[in-house]
Amino acid sequence: MLGWGDAIDVLVRQRGPALLRYGYLLTGSTADAQDLVQEAVARVLARRPRLRAAVTLESYVRRTMATLVIDEGRRAQRWRQVRHLLAEPDQVADVASVTDDRHVLAVALSTLSPRQRTCVVLHHLDGLSGPEVAEVLGIAPGSVKRYLSEGMERLERVVGPVAEAGDVVAARGRGGR
């Protein structure tokens, strides 16, 4: 078993890039992803969980990241309501002109609500089942189904119909050109 300092070192040095990629998928911004990872790691370490394995720490950090994105989405939505602004995100003007598949994915994900985005990322990109997503987010499995359905419907409006979103993302995300 790793010591506390060793577990943190493994988490930050070895798993840091994976956490940044995950954060980018959740936020759509490199700078926001960096801030998200830093905040999530700080929160997890402040609680100093008894678990010392880096893999376990990483799962805590990932869950914290998802929760932080959802919380930020709630704050932003509340602000829009208070300021009497439309809660609808900006529509993507011309996704067809975007040549980088990862950019297309980021743009498409940015059209989703924070809850939809988190469910889609956890399910289709992290490979969690619906009940596992529900457990990670602390919501009902039926809510996960609804968010996945709404999220995939919106993604299809942006990028066009796809047979299975996980297949398309996997092929594009792994250099499937």
C-alpha atoms as a PDB file:
ATOM      1  CA  MET A   1       0.000   0.000   0.000  1.00  0.00           C
ATOM      2  CA  LEU A   2       1.297   3.431  -0.907  1.00  0.00           C
ATOM      3  CA  GLY A   3       1.904   6.050   1.732  1.00  0.00           C
ATOM      4  CA  TRP A   4      -0.267   9.156   1.674  1.00  0.00           C
ATOM      5  CA  GLY A   5       2.424  11.272   0.000  1.00  0.00           C
ATOM      6  CA  ASP A   6       3.157   8.556  -2.568  1.00  0.00           C
ATOM      7  CA  ALA A   7      -0.536   8.202  -3.428  1.00  0.00           C
ATOM      8  CA  ILE A   8      -0.815  11.949  -4.007  1.00  0.00           C
ATOM      9  CA  ASP A   9       2.342  11.906  -6.128  1.00  0.00           C
ATOM     10  CA  VAL A  10       0.992   9.059  -8.295  1.00  0.00           C
ATOM     11  CA  LEU A  11      -2.352  10.816  -8.622  1.00  0.00           C
ATOM     12  CA  VAL A  12      -0.904  14.137  -9.730  1.00  0.00           C
ATOM     13  CA  ARG A  13       2.060  12.982 -11.806  1.00  0.00           C
ATOM     14  CA  GLN A  14       0.718   9.837 -13.447  1.00  0.00           C
ATOM     15  CA  ARG A  15      -3.027  10.418 -13.560  1.00  0.00           C
ATOM     16  CA  GLY A  16      -2.971  14.214 -13.921  1.00  0.00           C
ATOM     17  CA  PRO A  17      -3.146  14.210 -17.743  1.00  0.00           C
ATOM     18  CA  ALA A  18      -6.126  11.821 -17.693  1.00  0.00           C
ATOM     19  CA  LEU A  19      -7.863  14.019 -15.129  1.00  0.00           C
ATOM     20  CA  LEU A  20      -7.233  17.086 -17.311  1.00  0.00           C
ATOM     21  CA  ARG A  21      -8.741  15.336 -20.349  1.00  0.00           C
ATOM     22  CA  TYR A  22     -11.760  14.349 -18.263  1.00  0.00           C
ATOM     23  CA  GLY A  23     -12.068  17.920 -17.004  1.00  0.00           C
ATOM     24  CA  TYR A  24     -11.892  19.216 -20.568  1.00  0.00           C
ATOM     25  CA  LEU A  25     -14.761  16.942 -21.582  1.00  0.00           C
ATOM     26  CA  LEU A  26     -16.808  18.236 -18.657  1.00  0.00           C
ATOM     27  CA  THR A  27     -16.029  21.932 -19.165  1.00  0.00           C
ATOM     28  CA  GLY A  28     -15.035  22.354 -22.805  1.00  0.00           C
ATOM     29  CA  SER A  29     -12.127  24.605 -21.852  1.00  0.00           C
ATOM     30  CA  THR A  30      -8.501  23.811 -21.064  1.00  0.00           C
ATOM     31  CA  ALA A  31      -8.259  26.603 -18.492  1.00  0.00           C
ATOM     32  CA  ASP A  32     -11.527  25.570 -16.825  1.00  0.00           C
ATOM     33  CA  ALA A  33     -10.376  21.933 -16.856  1.00  0.00           C
ATOM     34  CA  GLN A  34      -7.144  22.886 -15.073  1.00  0.00           C
ATOM     35  CA  ASP A  35      -9.083  24.873 -12.476  1.00  0.00           C
ATOM     36  CA  LEU A  36     -11.566  22.024 -12.067  1.00  0.00           C
ATOM     37  CA  VAL A  37      -8.841  19.413 -11.493  1.00  0.00           C
ATOM     38  CA  GLN A  38      -7.048  21.656  -9.018  1.00  0.00           C
ATOM     39  CA  GLU A  39     -10.239  22.393  -7.082  1.00  0.00           C
ATOM     40  CA  ALA A  40     -11.312  18.735  -7.030  1.00  0.00           C
ATOM     41  CA  VAL A  41      -7.888  17.501  -5.866  1.00  0.00           C
ATOM     42  CA  ALA A  42      -7.793  20.182  -3.159  1.00  0.00           C
ATOM     43  CA  ARG A  43     -11.254  19.226  -1.910  1.00  0.00           C
ATOM     44  CA  VAL A  44     -10.490  15.510  -1.857  1.00  0.00           C
ATOM     45  CA  LEU A  45      -7.178  16.043  -0.099  1.00  0.00           C
ATOM     46  CA  ALA A  46      -8.782  18.405   2.423  1.00  0.00           C
ATOM     47  CA  ARG A  47     -11.078  15.551   3.436  1.00  0.00           C
ATOM     48  CA  ARG A  48      -8.039  13.283   3.522  1.00  0.00           C
ATOM     49  CA  PRO A  49      -9.817  10.029   2.782  1.00  0.00           C
ATOM     50  CA  ARG A  50      -8.525   6.937   4.504  1.00  0.00           C
ATOM     51  CA  LEU A  51      -8.025   5.261   1.162  1.00  0.00           C
ATOM     52  CA  ARG A  52      -4.478   5.630  -0.050  1.00  0.00           C
ATOM     53  CA  ALA A  53      -4.493   3.850  -3.393  1.00  0.00           C
ATOM     54  CA  ALA A  54      -4.061   6.318  -6.240  1.00  0.00           C
ATOM     55  CA  VAL A  55      -6.834   4.628  -8.235  1.00  0.00           C
ATOM     56  CA  THR A  56      -9.236   5.140  -5.341  1.00  0.00           C
ATOM     57  CA  LEU A  57      -8.140   8.748  -4.949  1.00  0.00           C
ATOM     58  CA  GLU A  58      -8.651   9.252  -8.675  1.00  0.00           C
ATOM     59  CA  SER A  59     -12.231   7.986  -8.464  1.00  0.00           C
ATOM     60  CA  TYR A  60     -12.903  10.415  -5.618  1.00  0.00           C
ATOM     61  CA  VAL A  61     -11.394  13.252  -7.651  1.00  0.00           C
ATOM     62  CA  ARG A  62     -13.451  12.335 -10.746  1.00  0.00           C
ATOM     63  CA  ARG A  63     -16.655  12.241  -8.718  1.00  0.00           C
ATOM     64  CA  THR A  64     -15.786  15.567  -7.119  1.00  0.00           C
ATOM     65  CA  MET A  65     -15.111  17.046 -10.576  1.00  0.00           C
ATOM     66  CA  ALA A  66     -18.529  15.927 -11.831  1.00  0.00           C
ATOM     67  CA  THR A  67     -20.197  17.351  -8.729  1.00  0.00           C
ATOM     68  CA  LEU A  68     -18.362  20.676  -9.070  1.00  0.00           C
ATOM     69  CA  VAL A  69     -19.455  21.025 -12.715  1.00  0.00           C
ATOM     70  CA  ILE A  70     -23.069  20.336 -11.773  1.00  0.00           C
ATOM     71  CA  ASP A  71     -22.898  22.776  -8.862  1.00  0.00           C
ATOM     72  CA  GLU A  72     -21.423  25.479 -11.097  1.00  0.00           C
ATOM     73  CA  GLY A  73     -24.181  24.849 -13.611  1.00  0.00           C
ATOM     74  CA  ARG A  74     -26.776  25.337 -10.899  1.00  0.00           C
ATOM     75  CA  ARG A  75     -25.166  28.597  -9.804  1.00  0.00           C
ATOM     76  CA  ALA A  76     -25.026  29.856 -13.372  1.00  0.00           C
ATOM     77  CA  GLN A  77     -28.632  28.887 -13.986  1.00  0.00           C
ATOM     78  CA  ARG A  78     -29.753  30.648 -10.829  1.00  0.00           C
ATOM     79  CA  TRP A  79     -27.842  33.774 -11.891  1.00  0.00           C
ATOM     80  CA  ARG A  80     -29.529  33.735 -15.285  1.00  0.00           C
ATOM     81  CA  GLN A  81     -32.915  33.431 -13.610  1.00  0.00           C
ATOM     82  CA  VAL A  82     -32.210  36.312 -11.297  1.00  0.00           C
ATOM     83  CA  ARG A  83     -30.983  38.508 -14.148  1.00  0.00           C
ATOM     84  CA  HIS A  84     -33.923  37.474 -16.340  1.00  0.00           C
ATOM     85  CA  LEU A  85     -31.743  36.066 -19.047  1.00  0.00           C
ATOM     86  CA  LEU A  86     -32.533  33.128 -21.252  1.00  0.00           C
ATOM     87  CA  ALA A  87     -31.226  29.856 -19.828  1.00  0.00           C
ATOM     88  CA  GLU A  88     -30.742  28.345 -23.309  1.00  0.00           C
ATOM     89  CA  PRO A  89     -27.063  27.994 -24.273  1.00  0.00           C
ATOM     90  CA  ASP A  90     -25.883  29.670 -27.470  1.00  0.00           C
ATOM     91  CA  GLN A  91     -26.509  27.629 -30.581  1.00  0.00           C
ATOM     92  CA  VAL A  92     -23.542  26.415 -32.542  1.00  0.00           C
ATOM     93  CA  ALA A  93     -23.385  28.427 -35.772  1.00  0.00           C
ATOM     94  CA  ASP A  94     -21.551  26.164 -38.151  1.00  0.00           C
ATOM     95  CA  VAL A  95     -20.363  22.843 -36.740  1.00  0.00           C
ATOM     96  CA  ALA A  96     -19.856  21.488 -40.269  1.00  0.00           C
ATOM     97  CA  SER A  97     -16.969  23.909 -40.840  1.00  0.00           C
ATOM     98  CA  VAL A  98     -15.051  22.604 -37.822  1.00  0.00           C
ATOM     99  CA  THR A  99     -12.379  20.174 -38.968  1.00  0.00           C
ATOM    100  CA  ASP A 100     -10.988  18.863 -35.709  1.00  0.00           C
ATOM    101  CA  ASP A 101     -13.124  16.011 -34.376  1.00  0.00           C
ATOM    102  CA  ARG A 102     -12.194  16.764 -30.781  1.00  0.00           C
ATOM    103  CA  HIS A 103     -13.253  20.348 -31.261  1.00  0.00           C
ATOM    104  CA  VAL A 104     -16.558  19.149 -32.714  1.00  0.00           C
ATOM    105  CA  LEU A 105     -17.067  17.005 -29.624  1.00  0.00           C
ATOM    106  CA  ALA A 106     -16.219  19.904 -27.298  1.00  0.00           C
ATOM    107  CA  VAL A 107     -18.556  22.259 -29.161  1.00  0.00           C
ATOM    108  CA  ALA A 108     -21.342  19.689 -29.133  1.00  0.00           C
ATOM    109  CA  LEU A 109     -20.879  18.968 -25.426  1.00  0.00           C
ATOM    110  CA  SER A 110     -20.963  22.705 -24.684  1.00  0.00           C
ATOM    111  CA  THR A 111     -24.577  22.828 -25.890  1.00  0.00           C
ATOM    112  CA  LEU A 112     -25.666  20.492 -23.092  1.00  0.00           C
ATOM    113  CA  SER A 113     -26.744  21.467 -19.615  1.00  0.00           C
ATOM    114  CA  PRO A 114     -24.172  20.607 -16.933  1.00  0.00           C
ATOM    115  CA  ARG A 115     -26.262  17.640 -15.758  1.00  0.00           C
ATOM    116  CA  GLN A 116     -26.747  16.298 -19.307  1.00  0.00           C
ATOM    117  CA  ARG A 117     -23.061  16.775 -20.111  1.00  0.00           C
ATOM    118  CA  THR A 118     -21.945  14.979 -16.966  1.00  0.00           C
ATOM    119  CA  CYS A 119     -24.285  12.033 -17.579  1.00  0.00           C
ATOM    120  CA  VAL A 120     -23.227  11.738 -21.241  1.00  0.00           C
ATOM    121  CA  VAL A 121     -19.518  11.885 -20.369  1.00  0.00           C
ATOM    122  CA  LEU A 122     -19.803   9.379 -17.518  1.00  0.00           C
ATOM    123  CA  HIS A 123     -21.914   6.965 -19.573  1.00  0.00           C
ATOM    124  CA  HIS A 124     -20.539   7.184 -23.102  1.00  0.00           C
ATOM    125  CA  LEU A 125     -16.931   8.201 -22.485  1.00  0.00           C
ATOM    126  CA  ASP A 126     -16.190   6.661 -19.077  1.00  0.00           C
ATOM    127  CA  GLY A 127     -18.282   3.576 -19.877  1.00  0.00           C
ATOM    128  CA  LEU A 128     -20.374   3.635 -16.713  1.00  0.00           C
ATOM    129  CA  SER A 129     -23.789   2.000 -16.783  1.00  0.00           C
ATOM    130  CA  GLY A 130     -26.906   4.046 -16.071  1.00  0.00           C
ATOM    131  CA  PRO A 131     -27.143   2.791 -12.473  1.00  0.00           C
ATOM    132  CA  GLU A 132     -23.427   3.500 -11.959  1.00  0.00           C
ATOM    133  CA  VAL A 133     -23.872   7.061 -13.233  1.00  0.00           C
ATOM    134  CA  ALA A 134     -26.830   7.453 -10.872  1.00  0.00           C
ATOM    135  CA  GLU A 135     -24.723   6.242  -7.964  1.00  0.00           C
ATOM    136  CA  VAL A 136     -21.792   8.540  -8.797  1.00  0.00           C
ATOM    137  CA  LEU A 137     -24.057  11.580  -9.088  1.00  0.00           C
ATOM    138  CA  GLY A 138     -26.406  10.625  -6.267  1.00  0.00           C
ATOM    139  CA  ILE A 139     -29.525  10.823  -8.437  1.00  0.00           C
ATOM    140  CA  ALA A 140     -32.242   8.376  -9.452  1.00  0.00           C
ATOM    141  CA  PRO A 141     -31.546   5.991 -12.369  1.00  0.00           C
ATOM    142  CA  GLY A 142     -34.656   7.360 -14.101  1.00  0.00           C
ATOM    143  CA  SER A 143     -33.160  10.842 -13.984  1.00  0.00           C
ATOM    144  CA  VAL A 144     -29.975   9.532 -15.596  1.00  0.00           C
ATOM    145  CA  LYS A 145     -32.042   7.993 -18.405  1.00  0.00           C
ATOM    146  CA  ARG A 146     -33.816  11.302 -18.942  1.00  0.00           C
ATOM    147  CA  TYR A 147     -30.588  13.334 -18.972  1.00  0.00           C
ATOM    148  CA  LEU A 148     -28.936  10.840 -21.343  1.00  0.00           C
ATOM    149  CA  SER A 149     -31.928  10.896 -23.673  1.00  0.00           C
ATOM    150  CA  GLU A 150     -32.160  14.692 -23.694  1.00  0.00           C
ATOM    151  CA  GLY A 151     -28.394  15.037 -24.042  1.00  0.00           C
ATOM    152  CA  MET A 152     -28.110  12.603 -26.935  1.00  0.00           C
ATOM    153  CA  GLU A 153     -31.075  14.238 -28.679  1.00  0.00           C
ATOM    154  CA  ARG A 154     -29.385  17.627 -28.425  1.00  0.00           C
ATOM    155  CA  LEU A 155     -26.025  16.223 -29.555  1.00  0.00           C
ATOM    156  CA  GLU A 156     -27.667  14.675 -32.615  1.00  0.00           C
ATOM    157  CA  ARG A 157     -29.182  18.057 -33.503  1.00  0.00           C
ATOM    158  CA  VAL A 158     -25.689  19.558 -33.402  1.00  0.00           C
ATOM    159  CA  VAL A 159     -23.551  16.851 -35.049  1.00  0.00           C
ATOM    160  CA  GLY A 160     -26.197  14.886 -36.933  1.00  0.00           C
ATOM    161  CA  PRO A 161     -27.618  11.425 -36.361  1.00  0.00           C
ATOM    162  CA  VAL A 162     -25.313   8.766 -34.978  1.00  0.00           C
ATOM    163  CA  ALA A 163     -26.004   5.051 -34.628  1.00  0.00           C
ATOM    164  CA  GLU A 164     -24.306   4.743 -31.243  1.00  0.00           C
ATOM    165  CA  ALA A 165     -22.675   7.819 -29.736  1.00  0.00           C
ATOM    166  CA  GLY A 166     -20.096   5.797 -27.827  1.00  0.00           C
ATOM    167  CA  ASP A 167     -18.856   4.232 -31.077  1.00  0.00           C
ATOM    168  CA  VAL A 168     -18.528   7.568 -32.843  1.00  0.00           C
ATOM    169  CA  VAL A 169     -16.748   9.217 -29.918  1.00  0.00           C
ATOM    170  CA  ALA A 170     -14.446   6.232 -29.440  1.00  0.00           C
ATOM    171  CA  ALA A 171     -13.479   6.163 -33.118  1.00  0.00           C
ATOM    172  CA  ARG A 172     -12.857   9.899 -33.326  1.00  0.00           C
ATOM    173  CA  GLY A 173     -11.265  10.245 -29.907  1.00  0.00           C
ATOM    174  CA  ARG A 174      -8.646   7.563 -30.588  1.00  0.00           C
ATOM    175  CA  GLY A 175      -7.333   8.838 -33.872  1.00  0.00           C
ATOM    176  CA  GLY A 176      -9.889   6.944 -35.941  1.00  0.00           C
ATOM    177  CA  ARG A 177      -9.246   9.082 -39.037  1.00  0.00           C
END
